[in-house]
C-alpha atoms as a PDB file:
ATOM      1  CA  UNK A   1     101.414  61.034 -34.087  1.00  0.00           C
ATOM      2  CA  UNK A   2      99.994  58.102 -32.387  1.00  0.00           C
ATOM      3  CA  UNK A   3     102.076  54.877 -32.207  1.00  0.00           C
ATOM      4  CA  UNK A   4     101.190  51.420 -31.813  1.00  0.00           C
ATOM      5  CA  UNK A   5     102.114  49.182 -29.402  1.00  0.00           C
ATOM      6  CA  UNK A   6     103.738  45.971 -30.883  1.00  0.00           C
ATOM      7  CA  UNK A   7     102.354  43.482 -28.856  1.00  0.00           C
ATOM      8  CA  UNK A   8     105.794  41.230 -27.555  1.00  0.00           C
ATOM      9  CA  UNK A   9     105.510  38.274 -29.120  1.00  0.00           C
ATOM     10  CA  UNK A  10     105.746  34.993 -26.485  1.00  0.00           C
ATOM     11  CA  UNK A  11     109.298  33.249 -26.916  1.00  0.00           C
ATOM     12  CA  UNK A  12     108.322  29.402 -24.364  1.00  0.00           C
ATOM     13  CA  UNK A  13     107.759  26.281 -25.892  1.00  0.00           C
ATOM     14  CA  UNK A  14     104.647  25.086 -24.867  1.00  0.00           C
ATOM     15  CA  UNK A  15     104.727  22.482 -22.296  1.00  0.00           C
ATOM     16  CA  UNK A  16     101.107  21.977 -22.125  1.00  0.00           C
ATOM     17  CA  UNK A  17     101.501  18.173 -24.107  1.00  0.00           C
ATOM     18  CA  UNK A  18     104.843  17.499 -23.474  1.00  0.00           C
ATOM     19  CA  UNK A  19     102.941  15.010 -20.960  1.00  0.00           C
ATOM     20  CA  UNK A  20     100.859  13.155 -23.488  1.00  0.00           C
ATOM     21  CA  UNK A  21     104.165  12.976 -25.381  1.00  0.00           C
ATOM     22  CA  UNK A  22     106.144  11.064 -23.239  1.00  0.00           C
ATOM     23  CA  UNK A  23     103.683   8.740 -22.371  1.00  0.00           C
ATOM     24  CA  UNK A  24     103.088   8.149 -26.045  1.00  0.00           C
ATOM     25  CA  UNK A  25     106.545   7.107 -26.508  1.00  0.00           C
ATOM     26  CA  UNK A  26     107.029   4.770 -23.290  1.00  0.00           C
ATOM     27  CA  UNK A  27     104.211   3.038 -24.381  1.00  0.00           C
ATOM     28  CA  UNK A  28     105.172   2.401 -27.751  1.00  0.00           C
ATOM     29  CA  UNK A  29     108.727   1.249 -26.509  1.00  0.00           C
ATOM     30  CA  UNK A  30     106.961  -1.052 -24.338  1.00  0.00           C
ATOM     31  CA  UNK A  31     104.643  -2.856 -27.163  1.00  0.00           C
ATOM     32  CA  UNK A  32     107.989  -2.898 -29.667  1.00  0.00           C
ATOM     33  CA  UNK A  33     110.536  -4.533 -27.603  1.00  0.00           C
ATOM     34  CA  UNK A  34     110.983  -8.256 -27.922  1.00  0.00           C
ATOM     35  CA  UNK A  35     112.327  -9.861 -24.291  1.00  0.00           C
ATOM     36  CA  UNK A  36     114.891 -12.442 -24.590  1.00  0.00           C
ATOM     37  CA  UNK A  37     113.874 -15.135 -22.777  1.00  0.00           C
ATOM     38  CA  UNK A  38     116.298 -18.132 -23.608  1.00  0.00           C
ATOM     39  CA  UNK A  39     117.965 -18.093 -20.614  1.00  0.00           C
ATOM     40  CA  UNK A  40     119.017 -21.519 -18.158  1.00  0.00           C
ATOM     41  CA  UNK A  41     120.573 -24.898 -20.023  1.00  0.00           C
ATOM     42  CA  UNK A  42     118.734 -26.114 -23.112  1.00  0.00           C
ATOM     43  CA  UNK A  43     118.076 -29.617 -22.022  1.00  0.00           C
ATOM     44  CA  UNK A  44     114.744 -32.132 -22.854  1.00  0.00           C
ATOM     45  CA  UNK A  45     113.919 -33.878 -19.621  1.00  0.00           C
ATOM     46  CA  UNK A  46     111.927 -36.559 -19.753  1.00  0.00           C
ATOM     47  CA  UNK A  47     108.804 -37.342 -18.147  1.00  0.00           C
ATOM     48  CA  UNK A  48     108.639 -38.650 -14.575  1.00  0.00           C
ATOM     49  CA  UNK A  49     107.475 -42.087 -15.202  1.00  0.00           C
ATOM     50  CA  UNK A  50     109.034 -45.593 -14.045  1.00  0.00           C
ATOM     51  CA  UNK A  51     112.323 -47.510 -13.262  1.00  0.00           C
ATOM     52  CA  UNK A  52     114.240 -48.907 -16.244  1.00  0.00           C
ATOM     53  CA  UNK A  53     116.100 -52.178 -16.011  1.00  0.00           C
ATOM     54  CA  UNK A  54     120.021 -50.838 -17.020  1.00  0.00           C
ATOM     55  CA  UNK A  55     123.258 -52.790 -17.064  1.00  0.00           C
ATOM     56  CA  UNK A  56     125.513 -51.328 -14.871  1.00  0.00           C
ATOM     57  CA  UNK A  57     128.532 -51.077 -17.228  1.00  0.00           C
ATOM     58  CA  UNK A  58     126.212 -48.711 -19.527  1.00  0.00           C
ATOM     59  CA  UNK A  59     127.145 -46.255 -17.116  1.00  0.00           C
ATOM     60  CA  UNK A  60     129.864 -44.046 -16.603  1.00  0.00           C
ATOM     61  CA  UNK A  61     129.120 -42.127 -12.599  1.00  0.00           C
ATOM     62  CA  UNK A  62     131.025 -38.803 -12.586  1.00  0.00           C
ATOM     63  CA  UNK A  63     130.608 -37.435  -9.034  1.00  0.00           C
ATOM     64  CA  UNK A  64     131.408 -34.474  -7.887  1.00  0.00           C
ATOM     65  CA  UNK A  65     132.125 -32.793  -4.189  1.00  0.00           C
ATOM     66  CA  UNK A  66     131.970 -29.959  -2.548  1.00  0.00           C
ATOM     67  CA  UNK A  67     135.403 -29.120  -3.148  1.00  0.00           C
ATOM     68  CA  UNK A  68     134.925 -29.357  -6.624  1.00  0.00           C
ATOM     69  CA  UNK A  69     136.847 -32.506  -6.892  1.00  0.00           C
ATOM     70  CA  UNK A  70     135.678 -34.957  -9.045  1.00  0.00           C
ATOM     71  CA  UNK A  71     135.846 -39.096  -9.287  1.00  0.00           C
ATOM     72  CA  UNK A  72     135.133 -40.623 -12.615  1.00  0.00           C
ATOM     73  CA  UNK A  73     133.822 -44.366 -11.887  1.00  0.00           C
ATOM     74  CA  UNK A  74     135.375 -43.612  -8.518  1.00  0.00           C
ATOM     75  CA  UNK A  75     138.242 -43.010  -9.536  1.00  0.00           C
ATOM     76  CA  UNK A  76     139.625 -39.114  -8.308  1.00  0.00           C
ATOM     77  CA  UNK A  77     140.763 -37.378 -11.873  1.00  0.00           C
ATOM     78  CA  UNK A  78     143.182 -34.760 -12.022  1.00  0.00           C
ATOM     79  CA  UNK A  79     141.964 -32.582 -14.433  1.00  0.00           C
ATOM     80  CA  UNK A  80     139.115 -31.758 -17.069  1.00  0.00           C
ATOM     81  CA  UNK A  81     140.960 -32.252 -19.950  1.00  0.00           C
ATOM     82  CA  UNK A  82     141.257 -35.929 -18.002  1.00  0.00           C
ATOM     83  CA  UNK A  83     138.037 -36.937 -17.530  1.00  0.00           C
ATOM     84  CA  UNK A  84     137.174 -36.028 -21.374  1.00  0.00           C
ATOM     85  CA  UNK A  85     139.387 -38.056 -23.187  1.00  0.00           C
ATOM     86  CA  UNK A  86     138.849 -41.177 -20.486  1.00  0.00           C
ATOM     87  CA  UNK A  87     134.428 -40.220 -21.687  1.00  0.00           C
ATOM     88  CA  UNK A  88     135.540 -40.038 -24.869  1.00  0.00           C
ATOM     89  CA  UNK A  89     137.262 -43.763 -24.760  1.00  0.00           C
ATOM     90  CA  UNK A  90     134.517 -45.120 -22.821  1.00  0.00           C
ATOM     91  CA  UNK A  91     131.719 -43.896 -25.232  1.00  0.00           C
ATOM     92  CA  UNK A  92     133.373 -45.288 -28.549  1.00  0.00           C
ATOM     93  CA  UNK A  93     133.932 -48.832 -26.330  1.00  0.00           C
ATOM     94  CA  UNK A  94     130.068 -49.094 -25.436  1.00  0.00           C
ATOM     95  CA  UNK A  95     129.665 -48.242 -28.787  1.00  0.00           C
ATOM     96  CA  UNK A  96     125.984 -48.366 -30.316  1.00  0.00           C
ATOM     97  CA  UNK A  97     123.330 -50.142 -30.347  1.00  0.00           C
ATOM     98  CA  UNK A  98     120.535 -49.445 -33.278  1.00  0.00           C
ATOM     99  CA  UNK A  99     121.912 -46.488 -33.464  1.00  0.00           C
ATOM    100  CA  UNK A 100     121.691 -44.655 -30.320  1.00  0.00           C
ATOM    101  CA  UNK A 101     124.082 -44.321 -27.941  1.00  0.00           C
ATOM    102  CA  UNK A 102     124.939 -47.537 -24.883  1.00  0.00           C
ATOM    103  CA  UNK A 103     126.511 -45.962 -22.548  1.00  0.00           C
ATOM    104  CA  UNK A 104     124.708 -43.238 -19.768  1.00  0.00           C
ATOM    105  CA  UNK A 105     126.586 -40.502 -18.184  1.00  0.00           C
ATOM    106  CA  UNK A 106     124.866 -39.948 -15.020  1.00  0.00           C
ATOM    107  CA  UNK A 107     126.435 -36.414 -12.738  1.00  0.00           C
ATOM    108  CA  UNK A 108     126.127 -36.687  -9.294  1.00  0.00           C
ATOM    109  CA  UNK A 109     126.686 -33.676  -6.881  1.00  0.00           C
ATOM    110  CA  UNK A 110     127.137 -32.232  -3.737  1.00  0.00           C
ATOM    111  CA  UNK A 111     124.614 -29.759  -2.573  1.00  0.00           C
ATOM    112  CA  UNK A 112     127.826 -27.411  -1.675  1.00  0.00           C
ATOM    113  CA  UNK A 113     129.043 -28.044  -4.861  1.00  0.00           C
ATOM    114  CA  UNK A 114     129.623 -24.321  -6.997  1.00  0.00           C
ATOM    115  CA  UNK A 115     127.643 -23.506  -9.922  1.00  0.00           C
ATOM    116  CA  UNK A 116     129.907 -22.750 -11.990  1.00  0.00           C
ATOM    117  CA  UNK A 117     131.890 -26.324 -11.672  1.00  0.00           C
ATOM    118  CA  UNK A 118     128.368 -27.835 -11.775  1.00  0.00           C
ATOM    119  CA  UNK A 119     128.264 -25.996 -15.317  1.00  0.00           C
ATOM    120  CA  UNK A 120     131.704 -26.757 -16.657  1.00  0.00           C
ATOM    121  CA  UNK A 121     131.227 -31.073 -16.191  1.00  0.00           C
ATOM    122  CA  UNK A 122     128.222 -30.884 -18.499  1.00  0.00           C
ATOM    123  CA  UNK A 123     130.103 -28.843 -20.383  1.00  0.00           C
ATOM    124  CA  UNK A 124     133.152 -31.215 -20.837  1.00  0.00           C
ATOM    125  CA  UNK A 125     130.476 -34.812 -20.785  1.00  0.00           C
ATOM    126  CA  UNK A 126     128.825 -32.846 -23.833  1.00  0.00           C
ATOM    127  CA  UNK A 127     132.120 -32.059 -25.146  1.00  0.00           C
ATOM    128  CA  UNK A 128     132.900 -35.402 -25.496  1.00  0.00           C
ATOM    129  CA  UNK A 129     130.121 -36.610 -27.520  1.00  0.00           C
ATOM    130  CA  UNK A 130     127.448 -38.754 -24.184  1.00  0.00           C
ATOM    131  CA  UNK A 131     124.134 -37.277 -25.759  1.00  0.00           C
ATOM    132  CA  UNK A 132     122.312 -39.974 -22.849  1.00  0.00           C
ATOM    133  CA  UNK A 133     123.200 -38.101 -19.513  1.00  0.00           C
ATOM    134  CA  UNK A 134     121.596 -38.143 -16.255  1.00  0.00           C
ATOM    135  CA  UNK A 135     121.686 -35.846 -13.722  1.00  0.00           C
ATOM    136  CA  UNK A 136     121.470 -37.716 -10.196  1.00  0.00           C
ATOM    137  CA  UNK A 137     119.940 -35.346  -7.403  1.00  0.00           C
ATOM    138  CA  UNK A 138     122.373 -34.832  -4.255  1.00  0.00           C
ATOM    139  CA  UNK A 139     121.933 -36.366  -0.852  1.00  0.00           C
ATOM    140  CA  UNK A 140     120.229 -34.205   1.761  1.00  0.00           C
END
């Protein structure tokens, strides 16, 4: 009797196209993924231009030194809440003309001021209701 030889079945997974599949998946995810690009401070900056004369009474000056201490119109401020309250009071005093706020808040920092402290002060100014904010360039 003749016994036929049985062929062994291959139990391997074909890997010849595995690199192609991985490459196509990589391209698919790169193309379909969206990047969130909204980072930073959302502020509209004006065009560089000429100077405008403003009444000094309509400017609230905030100065932040290198150690993070704050001066509001030349007077030291102990707590951040106090700055917000003073600014809210000053905004109410100056009022509005033709629907536009009169008071301009000028923030000036030292070059050595920590960025977090600067952002905290800027947030307090916005919370107080100021819409006209001037960011002064630090002294060199």
